[in-house]
Amino acid sequence: MDFSLTEEQTLLKESVNRYLADNYGVEKFREYRHQTTQERSAIWQEFAEMGWLALPFDEEYGGFGGSAIDTALIMEEFGRGLVAEPYLASVLLAGKAIAEAGSDEQKERYLPGIVEGSVQAAFAFAEPEARFCRHDIDVRAVKKGEAYVLNGSKALVLNGDAANLLVVAVRTEGQRLDTTGISLFAIDADQPGIDRRDYPCVDGHRAAEISFTDVEVSSDALLGEPNKALAVIDKVLDEATIAVSAEAVGIMDALVAATVEYTKTRVQFGRPIGSFQVLQHRMVDMYMEAEETRSLLYMAAMKSAGGDADTSQAVSALKVKVASAGRFVGQEAVQLHGGMGMSDEMGVGHYFKRLTTINTLFGNGDFHLKRYAALSKEAA
């Protein structure tokens, strides 16, 4: 595979890097993590003005028609910059779910607002008892005349506190663990009967638990065909997994660079500790883990962009590597920084918290190892 970037992709990567160098970083992150998404709305509007929110959507809806490779490049830079904005939740989860499942009329209704930054969205798919199972859905939508009535609860809804549009996975038919009978609805987050309990996450991002009590929505809120949404959910979550894996690669790059710089200045026994060969070997191991993950990332992104049949296998292989490499690089960085690695003033601990969270998003390493084995068996 040719992993070289096009001229446009190089310019995109460089522009994101320049903006984040001026507007983000550890000090800004420590300030932003105590603010709500609404309090940082000016930053979100800057994201919109630079076209980042439009990147993955078709041109007819105000987008740029970018691929999984393009969004991976942005997310890699977001990882380096420790960005806490809800790009993943609003654009790559909820927005992409609408783009994949919605009718032309629904895309015209919802996507321009997401692209312009006037609408923030969230994808409510996970449930309290589901763990990582994507079809374990028991929020019910019962048809009532020309409308549907929703009841149930969703867990860990990223950006659920700030979203004014919810894309909700519900069961419209069958039993809780059936792979069929799942549908998607686009719902106004202020609809009567919706209760949100928001909270900060350990990595500086925010999420919410959302309950639905006799929430009545019209049938035109249904995205795509009823009872057949699992394929869309799988595709959206696979692309989101590629995105957070790209973020993890950016974080690993930042940790390697920070550790190398620290060992050049930390003096022990009259010498910089970076001059000790055993520590040099450990930093080389960190670098190699990051580079191996990057290779799997670009392979998965290229397969996704090309619509390859084995994309899901590549995604699961990537996530397994992210789990092991992220843990190794994060632990090594903290240890080589000594006590400073655990302090709030240093970025190392904040990066490691985000890496740890990424490991559990959309399935941890154990889940994806089993998924990879099952997909390989099916393909054999």
Protein backbone atom coordinates (compact mmCIF):
# COMPACT_ATOMS: atom_id res chain seq x y z
CA MET A 1 0.00 0.00 0.00
CA ASP A 2 1.09 3.56 -0.73
CA PHE A 3 0.83 5.53 2.53
CA SER A 4 2.07 8.84 1.09
CA LEU A 5 -0.26 11.82 1.44
CA THR A 6 -1.61 13.93 -1.40
CA GLU A 7 -0.78 17.62 -1.56
CA GLU A 8 -4.28 18.51 -0.27
CA GLN A 9 -3.97 16.09 2.64
CA THR A 10 -0.57 17.50 3.57
CA LEU A 11 -1.99 21.04 3.56
CA LEU A 12 -4.94 19.91 5.70
CA LYS A 13 -2.65 18.27 8.24
CA GLU A 14 -0.37 21.31 8.41
CA SER A 15 -3.25 23.78 8.79
CA VAL A 16 -4.76 21.84 11.70
CA ASN A 17 -1.33 21.59 13.32
CA ARG A 18 -0.73 25.35 13.04
CA TYR A 19 -4.12 26.25 14.49
CA LEU A 20 -3.76 23.89 17.45
CA ALA A 21 -0.22 25.10 18.18
CA ASP A 22 -1.68 28.60 18.68
CA ASN A 23 -4.98 27.71 20.33
CA TYR A 24 -4.58 24.42 22.19
CA GLY A 25 -2.03 22.44 24.17
CA VAL A 26 -1.78 21.31 27.78
CA GLU A 27 -2.27 24.72 29.40
CA LYS A 28 -5.35 25.47 27.29
CA PHE A 29 -6.67 21.96 27.92
CA ARG A 30 -6.47 22.45 31.69
CA GLU A 31 -8.53 25.60 31.24
CA TYR A 32 -11.04 24.15 28.77
CA ARG A 33 -11.78 20.94 30.70
CA HIS A 34 -13.56 22.96 33.42
CA GLN A 35 -15.79 24.67 30.86
CA THR A 36 -18.90 23.30 29.19
CA THR A 37 -19.08 22.90 25.44
CA GLN A 38 -21.42 25.89 25.31
CA GLU A 39 -18.80 28.04 27.06
CA ARG A 40 -16.32 27.09 24.34
CA SER A 41 -18.74 27.77 21.49
CA ALA A 42 -16.37 30.29 19.87
CA ILE A 43 -13.82 27.53 19.29
CA TRP A 44 -16.48 25.33 17.68
CA GLN A 45 -17.40 28.15 15.32
CA GLU A 46 -13.74 28.48 14.33
CA PHE A 47 -13.72 24.76 13.55
CA ALA A 48 -16.73 25.36 11.29
CA GLU A 49 -15.16 28.38 9.58
CA MET A 50 -12.05 26.36 8.75
CA GLY A 51 -14.21 23.66 7.14
CA TRP A 52 -13.33 20.86 9.52
CA LEU A 53 -16.96 20.15 10.42
CA ALA A 54 -17.79 19.87 6.72
CA LEU A 55 -14.98 17.50 5.83
CA PRO A 56 -16.73 14.07 5.84
CA PHE A 57 -20.02 15.12 4.20
CA ASP A 58 -21.04 15.28 0.54
CA GLU A 59 -20.72 18.60 -1.26
CA GLU A 60 -24.46 18.87 -1.89
CA TYR A 61 -25.01 19.23 1.86
CA GLY A 62 -22.25 21.79 2.37
CA GLY A 63 -19.43 19.29 2.86
CA PHE A 64 -16.14 18.51 1.15
CA GLY A 65 -16.61 14.80 0.50
CA GLY A 66 -13.61 13.76 2.60
CA SER A 67 -12.76 10.12 3.27
CA ALA A 68 -11.81 8.20 6.40
CA ILE A 69 -8.19 9.04 5.55
CA ASP A 70 -8.90 12.78 5.70
CA THR A 71 -10.73 12.58 9.02
CA ALA A 72 -7.94 10.38 10.42
CA LEU A 73 -5.43 13.13 9.59
CA ILE A 74 -7.49 15.69 11.52
CA MET A 75 -7.98 13.35 14.47
CA GLU A 76 -4.26 12.57 14.59
CA GLU A 77 -3.55 16.28 15.04
CA PHE A 78 -6.37 16.54 17.58
CA GLY A 79 -4.59 13.84 19.58
CA ARG A 80 -1.33 15.78 19.57
CA GLY A 81 -3.16 18.94 20.60
CA LEU A 82 -5.23 17.23 23.33
CA VAL A 83 -8.43 18.62 21.81
CA ALA A 84 -11.57 18.19 23.93
CA GLU A 85 -14.13 19.54 21.43
CA PRO A 86 -16.95 17.12 20.44
CA TYR A 87 -15.78 16.56 16.86
CA LEU A 88 -16.04 12.80 17.23
CA ALA A 89 -19.51 12.90 18.81
CA SER A 90 -21.21 15.54 16.68
CA VAL A 91 -19.59 15.08 13.27
CA LEU A 92 -18.20 11.55 13.03
CA LEU A 93 -20.90 9.73 15.02
CA ALA A 94 -24.24 11.55 14.83
CA GLY A 95 -23.51 13.41 11.60
CA LYS A 96 -22.24 10.33 9.79
CA ALA A 97 -25.22 8.29 11.03
CA ILE A 98 -27.55 10.82 9.39
CA ALA A 99 -25.42 10.85 6.24
CA GLU A 100 -25.50 7.04 6.02
CA ALA A 101 -29.12 6.36 6.96
CA GLY A 102 -31.09 9.52 6.19
CA SER A 103 -33.12 10.33 3.11
CA ASP A 104 -32.13 13.24 0.88
CA GLU A 105 -34.74 15.39 2.60
CA GLN A 106 -33.43 14.45 6.06
CA LYS A 107 -29.84 15.18 5.06
CA GLU A 108 -30.93 18.58 3.76
CA ARG A 109 -32.70 19.20 7.06
CA TYR A 110 -29.96 18.19 9.49
CA LEU A 111 -26.49 18.20 7.92
CA PRO A 112 -26.10 21.90 6.99
CA GLY A 113 -26.61 22.87 10.65
CA ILE A 114 -23.90 20.43 11.75
CA VAL A 115 -21.56 21.70 9.03
CA GLU A 116 -22.17 25.35 10.00
CA GLY A 117 -21.69 24.62 13.69
CA SER A 118 -25.16 25.90 14.64
CA VAL A 119 -26.28 22.36 15.52
CA GLN A 120 -24.42 20.08 17.90
CA ALA A 121 -25.42 16.44 17.78
CA ALA A 122 -24.90 13.25 19.77
CA PHE A 123 -25.24 9.57 18.90
CA ALA A 124 -27.11 7.67 21.64
CA PHE A 125 -26.44 4.01 20.84
CA ALA A 126 -24.97 2.39 23.99
CA GLU A 127 -27.09 1.10 26.87
CA PRO A 128 -26.19 0.45 30.52
CA GLU A 129 -26.08 -3.36 30.27
CA ALA A 130 -24.82 -3.71 26.70
CA ARG A 131 -21.06 -3.54 27.34
CA PHE A 132 -19.67 -3.40 23.77
CA CYS A 133 -22.41 -5.39 22.02
CA ARG A 134 -23.77 -3.17 19.25
CA HIS A 135 -27.11 -4.93 18.89
CA ASP A 136 -27.89 -5.13 22.62
CA ILE A 137 -30.62 -2.48 22.42
CA ASP A 138 -33.72 -2.32 24.57
CA VAL A 139 -34.86 1.29 24.27
CA ARG A 140 -38.26 0.73 22.68
CA ALA A 141 -40.08 2.74 20.04
CA VAL A 142 -43.71 1.66 19.77
CA LYS A 143 -45.75 2.82 16.82
CA LYS A 144 -48.76 4.93 17.78
CA GLY A 145 -50.75 5.99 14.74
CA GLU A 146 -48.41 8.06 12.58
CA ALA A 147 -45.98 8.57 15.46
CA TYR A 148 -43.63 6.55 17.69
CA VAL A 149 -43.35 6.57 21.48
CA LEU A 150 -39.88 5.98 22.99
CA ASN A 151 -39.06 4.58 26.44
CA GLY A 152 -35.76 3.50 27.96
CA SER A 153 -32.26 4.74 28.83
CA LYS A 154 -28.98 5.34 27.01
CA ALA A 155 -25.55 5.37 28.63
CA LEU A 156 -22.32 7.28 27.96
CA VAL A 157 -23.71 9.57 25.28
CA LEU A 158 -20.71 11.61 24.16
CA ASN A 159 -21.61 15.31 23.94
CA GLY A 160 -25.02 14.40 25.32
CA ASP A 161 -24.93 17.43 27.61
CA ALA A 162 -24.57 20.02 24.83
CA ALA A 163 -26.33 18.37 21.90
CA ASN A 164 -29.53 19.90 20.56
CA LEU A 165 -30.00 16.97 18.16
CA LEU A 166 -29.95 13.32 19.22
CA VAL A 167 -29.56 10.35 16.87
CA VAL A 168 -30.97 7.44 18.87
CA ALA A 169 -30.72 3.71 18.21
CA VAL A 170 -33.96 2.02 19.31
CA ARG A 171 -35.70 -1.31 19.04
CA THR A 172 -38.82 -1.15 16.91
CA GLU A 173 -39.28 -4.91 16.66
CA GLY A 174 -38.16 -8.17 18.25
CA GLN A 175 -36.25 -8.98 21.44
CA ARG A 176 -33.36 -7.24 23.14
CA LEU A 177 -30.46 -9.13 21.53
CA ASP A 178 -31.93 -9.60 18.05
CA THR A 179 -29.72 -8.31 15.23
CA THR A 180 -32.81 -7.16 13.35
CA GLY A 181 -35.56 -4.82 14.53
CA ILE A 182 -33.19 -1.89 15.23
CA SER A 183 -33.99 1.59 13.90
CA LEU A 184 -32.50 5.10 14.11
CA PHE A 185 -34.38 8.29 14.99
CA ALA A 186 -33.29 11.93 14.81
CA ILE A 187 -34.85 13.69 17.79
CA ASP A 188 -34.82 17.24 19.16
CA ALA A 189 -32.90 16.99 22.45
CA ASP A 190 -35.37 19.35 24.15
CA GLN A 191 -38.35 17.11 23.38
CA PRO A 192 -40.65 16.61 26.42
CA GLY A 193 -39.88 13.37 28.25
CA ILE A 194 -36.11 13.47 27.65
CA ASP A 195 -34.00 13.70 30.81
CA ARG A 196 -30.24 14.24 30.66
CA ARG A 197 -27.73 13.74 33.47
CA ASP A 198 -24.39 15.08 32.30
CA TYR A 199 -20.97 14.59 33.87
CA PRO A 200 -17.27 15.19 33.15
CA CYS A 201 -15.18 12.19 32.11
CA VAL A 202 -11.72 11.40 33.44
CA ASP A 203 -10.14 12.48 30.14
CA GLY A 204 -11.60 16.01 30.18
CA HIS A 205 -14.43 15.25 27.75
CA ARG A 206 -18.12 15.23 28.74
CA ALA A 207 -20.92 12.69 28.41
CA ALA A 208 -24.47 12.12 29.64
CA GLU A 209 -26.93 9.46 30.69
CA ILE A 210 -30.17 10.06 28.78
CA SER A 211 -33.59 8.61 29.63
CA PHE A 212 -36.70 8.66 27.46
CA THR A 213 -40.12 8.59 29.11
CA ASP A 214 -43.07 8.44 26.72
CA VAL A 215 -41.22 10.60 24.19
CA GLU A 216 -43.45 10.98 21.15
CA VAL A 217 -41.83 11.65 17.78
CA SER A 218 -43.30 11.82 14.30
CA SER A 219 -42.60 9.09 11.76
CA ASP A 220 -40.48 11.46 9.66
CA ALA A 221 -37.89 11.37 12.46
CA LEU A 222 -37.13 7.77 11.43
CA LEU A 223 -33.80 7.63 9.59
CA GLY A 224 -33.77 5.12 6.75
CA GLU A 225 -35.66 1.86 6.73
CA PRO A 226 -37.19 0.63 9.99
CA ASN A 227 -35.69 -2.48 11.62
CA LYS A 228 -32.52 -2.45 9.46
CA ALA A 229 -30.21 0.03 11.16
CA LEU A 230 -27.57 -2.37 12.52
CA ALA A 231 -25.50 -2.24 9.32
CA VAL A 232 -25.43 1.56 9.54
CA ILE A 233 -24.44 1.45 13.22
CA ASP A 234 -21.62 -0.99 12.42
CA LYS A 235 -20.28 1.22 9.64
CA VAL A 236 -20.48 4.42 11.69
CA LEU A 237 -18.78 2.83 14.71
CA ASP A 238 -16.06 1.28 12.55
CA GLU A 239 -15.25 4.67 11.03
CA ALA A 240 -15.37 6.25 14.49
CA THR A 241 -12.95 3.56 15.71
CA ILE A 242 -10.53 4.53 12.96
CA ALA A 243 -10.90 8.17 14.03
CA VAL A 244 -10.16 7.59 17.73
CA SER A 245 -7.29 5.28 16.77
CA ALA A 246 -5.85 8.18 14.74
CA GLU A 247 -6.25 10.37 17.81
CA ALA A 248 -4.38 7.72 19.82
CA VAL A 249 -1.51 7.77 17.30
CA GLY A 250 -1.26 11.54 17.67
CA ILE A 251 -1.21 11.18 21.45
CA MET A 252 1.53 8.54 21.26
CA ASP A 253 3.60 10.84 19.04
CA ALA A 254 3.20 13.63 21.61
CA LEU A 255 4.20 11.32 24.47
CA VAL A 256 7.31 10.10 22.66
CA ALA A 257 8.38 13.68 21.87
CA ALA A 258 7.70 14.89 25.42
CA THR A 259 9.61 11.98 26.95
CA VAL A 260 12.65 12.44 24.70
CA GLU A 261 12.72 16.17 25.53
CA TYR A 262 12.37 15.55 29.27
CA THR A 263 15.21 13.02 29.36
CA LYS A 264 17.48 15.57 27.68
CA THR A 265 16.99 18.03 30.54
CA ARG A 266 16.58 15.76 33.60
CA VAL A 267 20.03 15.30 35.13
CA GLN A 268 20.95 12.36 37.36
CA PHE A 269 24.45 11.26 38.43
CA GLY A 270 25.81 14.34 36.68
CA ARG A 271 24.40 13.41 33.26
CA PRO A 272 21.10 13.84 31.38
CA ILE A 273 19.16 10.62 31.88
CA GLY A 274 18.59 10.48 28.12
CA SER A 275 22.25 9.57 27.72
CA PHE A 276 21.71 6.24 29.50
CA GLN A 277 21.47 3.51 26.91
CA VAL A 278 18.81 1.50 28.72
CA LEU A 279 16.46 4.51 28.64
CA GLN A 280 17.26 5.15 24.99
CA HIS A 281 16.17 1.59 24.22
CA ARG A 282 12.90 2.14 26.06
CA MET A 283 12.18 5.31 24.10
CA VAL A 284 12.95 3.52 20.83
CA ASP A 285 10.43 0.85 21.85
CA MET A 286 7.86 3.61 22.46
CA TYR A 287 8.55 5.07 19.02
CA MET A 288 8.25 1.68 17.32
CA GLU A 289 4.92 0.95 19.00
CA ALA A 290 3.58 4.28 17.74
CA GLU A 291 4.83 3.66 14.19
CA GLU A 292 3.40 0.14 14.03
CA THR A 293 0.03 1.53 15.13
CA ARG A 294 0.25 4.26 12.47
CA SER A 295 0.77 1.64 9.75
CA LEU A 296 -2.33 -0.29 10.84
CA LEU A 297 -4.24 3.00 11.07
CA TYR A 298 -3.49 4.01 7.49
CA MET A 299 -4.27 0.53 6.22
CA ALA A 300 -7.67 0.51 7.95
CA ALA A 301 -8.44 4.06 6.76
CA MET A 302 -7.56 3.18 3.17
CA LYS A 303 -9.70 0.04 3.28
CA SER A 304 -12.61 2.05 4.68
CA ALA A 305 -12.21 4.76 2.02
CA GLY A 306 -12.10 2.08 -0.68
CA GLY A 307 -15.09 0.16 0.66
CA ASP A 308 -13.08 -3.05 0.98
CA ALA A 309 -14.95 -6.14 2.18
CA ASP A 310 -12.44 -6.79 4.98
CA THR A 311 -12.59 -3.27 6.44
CA SER A 312 -14.14 -4.44 9.73
CA GLN A 313 -11.32 -6.94 10.24
CA ALA A 314 -8.73 -4.22 9.65
CA VAL A 315 -10.54 -1.95 12.11
CA SER A 316 -10.56 -4.59 14.84
CA ALA A 317 -6.88 -5.42 14.23
CA LEU A 318 -6.11 -1.71 14.57
CA LYS A 319 -8.04 -1.38 17.83
CA VAL A 320 -6.24 -4.38 19.33
CA LYS A 321 -2.93 -2.67 18.54
CA VAL A 322 -4.14 0.68 19.92
CA ALA A 323 -5.00 -1.05 23.20
CA SER A 324 -1.59 -2.64 23.68
CA ALA A 325 0.55 0.14 22.20
CA GLY A 326 -1.37 2.90 23.99
CA ARG A 327 -0.92 1.19 27.34
CA PHE A 328 2.79 0.60 26.72
CA VAL A 329 3.60 4.10 25.47
CA GLY A 330 1.53 5.78 28.16
CA GLN A 331 3.01 3.77 31.02
CA GLU A 332 6.56 4.23 29.75
CA ALA A 333 6.07 7.99 29.37
CA VAL A 334 4.72 8.35 32.91
CA GLN A 335 7.48 6.20 34.38
CA LEU A 336 10.32 7.93 32.53
CA HIS A 337 9.00 11.28 33.73
CA GLY A 338 9.15 10.00 37.32
CA GLY A 339 6.91 11.80 39.81
CA MET A 340 6.42 14.65 37.33
CA GLY A 341 4.51 12.28 35.07
CA MET A 342 1.66 12.14 37.57
CA SER A 343 1.36 15.91 38.12
CA ASP A 344 -1.42 18.04 36.70
CA GLU A 345 1.08 20.57 35.33
CA MET A 346 2.60 18.08 32.90
CA GLY A 347 0.75 16.91 29.82
CA VAL A 348 1.87 13.30 30.12
CA GLY A 349 -0.79 12.26 32.61
CA HIS A 350 -3.57 13.98 30.64
CA TYR A 351 -2.51 12.26 27.42
CA PHE A 352 -2.41 8.90 29.20
CA LYS A 353 -5.93 9.40 30.59
CA ARG A 354 -7.23 10.04 27.09
CA LEU A 355 -5.39 6.97 25.74
CA THR A 356 -6.95 4.86 28.48
CA THR A 357 -10.41 6.15 27.58
CA ILE A 358 -9.83 5.50 23.87
CA ASN A 359 -9.03 1.88 24.69
CA THR A 360 -12.60 1.38 25.93
CA LEU A 361 -14.42 3.45 23.29
CA PHE A 362 -16.36 1.27 20.82
CA GLY A 363 -14.86 -1.90 22.25
CA ASN A 364 -11.61 -2.60 24.10
CA GLY A 365 -8.73 -4.75 22.90
CA ASP A 366 -10.24 -8.01 24.18
CA PHE A 367 -13.56 -7.32 22.46
CA HIS A 368 -11.90 -6.52 19.14
CA LEU A 369 -9.58 -9.52 19.32
CA LYS A 370 -12.64 -11.78 19.59
CA ARG A 371 -14.39 -9.80 16.85
CA TYR A 372 -11.37 -10.13 14.56
CA ALA A 373 -11.28 -13.89 15.10
CA ALA A 374 -15.02 -14.20 14.40
CA LEU A 375 -14.81 -12.08 11.23
CA SER A 376 -11.81 -14.04 9.98
CA LYS A 377 -13.65 -17.30 10.55
CA GLU A 378 -16.66 -16.00 8.59
CA ALA A 379 -14.42 -14.88 5.71
CA ALA A 380 -12.56 -18.20 5.53
